[in-house]
């Protein structure tokens, strides 16, 4: 999920608005929030290719938000972010909630 600089409701719900630096940092960065557990549970690949699927999902949102900065055939998230950063001088904050879910879910699956 991609959150624009102007979106403050999410930050308040997450308790970030309570931080001392909130007002000075507010709307300075675009935020990519990834809920890995939720993504895995909604994945159509049953756990296969989760990283590739996750990259493509984020890239699709970034293409909508930055249509002239992300190649329509892009499949690598770092390259998409780099293209946006070079074109717009934007910086991103990436929040990965439940980042270890993939390891927990796949611990007995040797094919991943």
Protein backbone atom coordinates (compact mmCIF):
# COMPACT_ATOMS: atom_id res chain seq x y z
CA UNK A 1 0.00 0.00 0.00
CA UNK A 2 1.31 3.37 -0.95
CA UNK A 3 0.47 6.41 1.17
CA UNK A 4 0.86 9.91 -0.18
CA UNK A 5 2.53 12.71 1.70
CA UNK A 6 -0.79 14.37 2.51
CA UNK A 7 -2.36 11.36 4.20
CA UNK A 8 -2.43 12.05 7.94
CA UNK A 9 -5.24 9.80 9.17
CA UNK A 10 -3.14 6.64 8.92
CA UNK A 11 -0.28 8.21 10.84
CA UNK A 12 -2.62 9.24 13.64
CA UNK A 13 -4.19 5.78 13.85
CA UNK A 14 -0.75 4.19 14.13
CA UNK A 15 0.25 6.46 17.01
CA UNK A 16 2.98 8.14 14.97
CA UNK A 17 1.37 11.53 15.55
CA UNK A 18 2.41 11.28 19.21
CA UNK A 19 6.13 11.35 18.37
CA UNK A 20 7.95 14.61 19.12
CA UNK A 21 9.28 14.89 15.56
CA UNK A 22 5.88 14.28 13.94
CA UNK A 23 5.12 17.88 12.99
CA UNK A 24 8.60 18.61 11.60
CA UNK A 25 8.63 15.41 9.53
CA UNK A 26 4.96 15.43 8.57
CA UNK A 27 4.36 15.25 4.80
CA UNK A 28 8.09 15.17 4.04
CA UNK A 29 8.17 11.61 2.71
CA UNK A 30 5.99 9.19 0.83
CA UNK A 31 5.29 6.03 2.82
CA UNK A 32 5.02 2.47 1.59
CA UNK A 33 3.31 0.33 4.20
CA UNK A 34 3.49 -3.42 3.69
CA UNK A 35 1.45 -5.78 5.85
CA UNK A 36 3.18 -9.02 4.92
CA UNK A 37 0.76 -11.33 6.76
CA UNK A 38 -2.22 -9.75 5.06
CA UNK A 39 -0.54 -9.91 1.69
CA UNK A 40 0.31 -13.60 2.13
CA UNK A 41 -3.25 -14.43 3.17
CA UNK A 42 -4.62 -12.69 0.06
CA UNK A 43 -2.04 -14.06 -2.32
CA UNK A 44 -3.31 -16.09 -5.23
CA UNK A 45 -0.09 -18.10 -5.41
CA UNK A 46 -0.51 -19.95 -2.09
CA UNK A 47 2.85 -18.74 -0.83
CA UNK A 48 4.78 -19.20 -4.05
CA UNK A 49 6.58 -16.18 -5.46
CA UNK A 50 5.41 -13.93 -2.62
CA UNK A 51 8.32 -11.52 -3.01
CA UNK A 52 7.76 -11.13 -6.76
CA UNK A 53 4.01 -10.72 -6.24
CA UNK A 54 4.58 -8.14 -3.52
CA UNK A 55 6.96 -6.17 -5.71
CA UNK A 56 4.49 -6.13 -8.59
CA UNK A 57 1.61 -5.04 -6.34
CA UNK A 58 3.62 -2.09 -5.00
CA UNK A 59 4.92 -1.21 -8.46
CA UNK A 60 1.36 -1.06 -9.80
CA UNK A 61 0.43 1.47 -7.12
CA UNK A 62 3.59 3.47 -7.76
CA UNK A 63 2.84 3.54 -11.50
CA UNK A 64 -0.51 5.13 -10.71
CA UNK A 65 1.00 7.67 -8.33
CA UNK A 66 4.07 8.44 -10.49
CA UNK A 67 2.97 7.59 -14.06
CA UNK A 68 5.90 9.25 -15.82
CA UNK A 69 8.57 7.84 -13.52
CA UNK A 70 8.02 4.08 -13.51
CA UNK A 71 8.48 1.97 -16.62
CA UNK A 72 5.26 0.06 -17.41
CA UNK A 73 7.27 -3.18 -17.71
CA UNK A 74 9.14 -2.72 -14.44
CA UNK A 75 9.28 -5.83 -12.23
CA UNK A 76 11.91 -4.83 -9.65
CA UNK A 77 10.77 -2.58 -6.82
CA UNK A 78 14.22 -1.12 -6.10
CA UNK A 79 14.53 0.00 -9.73
CA UNK A 80 11.05 1.55 -9.64
CA UNK A 81 11.88 3.45 -6.44
CA UNK A 82 15.20 4.59 -7.87
CA UNK A 83 13.49 5.88 -11.02
CA UNK A 84 10.99 7.86 -8.96
CA UNK A 85 13.69 9.20 -6.69
CA UNK A 86 15.82 10.39 -9.60
CA UNK A 87 12.88 12.01 -11.38
CA UNK A 88 11.20 13.67 -8.41
CA UNK A 89 13.90 13.87 -5.74
CA UNK A 90 11.35 12.11 -3.49
CA UNK A 91 12.33 9.88 -0.64
CA UNK A 92 10.35 6.97 0.70
CA UNK A 93 9.80 5.47 4.10
CA UNK A 94 9.05 1.75 3.92
CA UNK A 95 7.26 0.14 6.83
CA UNK A 96 7.14 -3.65 6.79
CA UNK A 97 4.64 -4.93 9.31
CA UNK A 98 4.98 -8.63 10.16
CA UNK A 99 8.12 -8.84 8.01
CA UNK A 100 8.95 -12.24 9.45
CA UNK A 101 5.60 -13.75 8.45
CA UNK A 102 7.06 -15.22 5.29
CA UNK A 103 9.61 -17.15 7.33
CA UNK A 104 6.98 -18.36 9.80
CA UNK A 105 4.56 -19.41 7.08
CA UNK A 106 7.20 -21.11 4.97
CA UNK A 107 9.36 -22.75 7.63
CA UNK A 108 8.28 -26.26 6.60
CA UNK A 109 8.14 -25.57 2.86
CA UNK A 110 11.52 -26.38 1.31
CA UNK A 111 10.43 -25.27 -2.14
CA UNK A 112 10.36 -21.58 -1.28
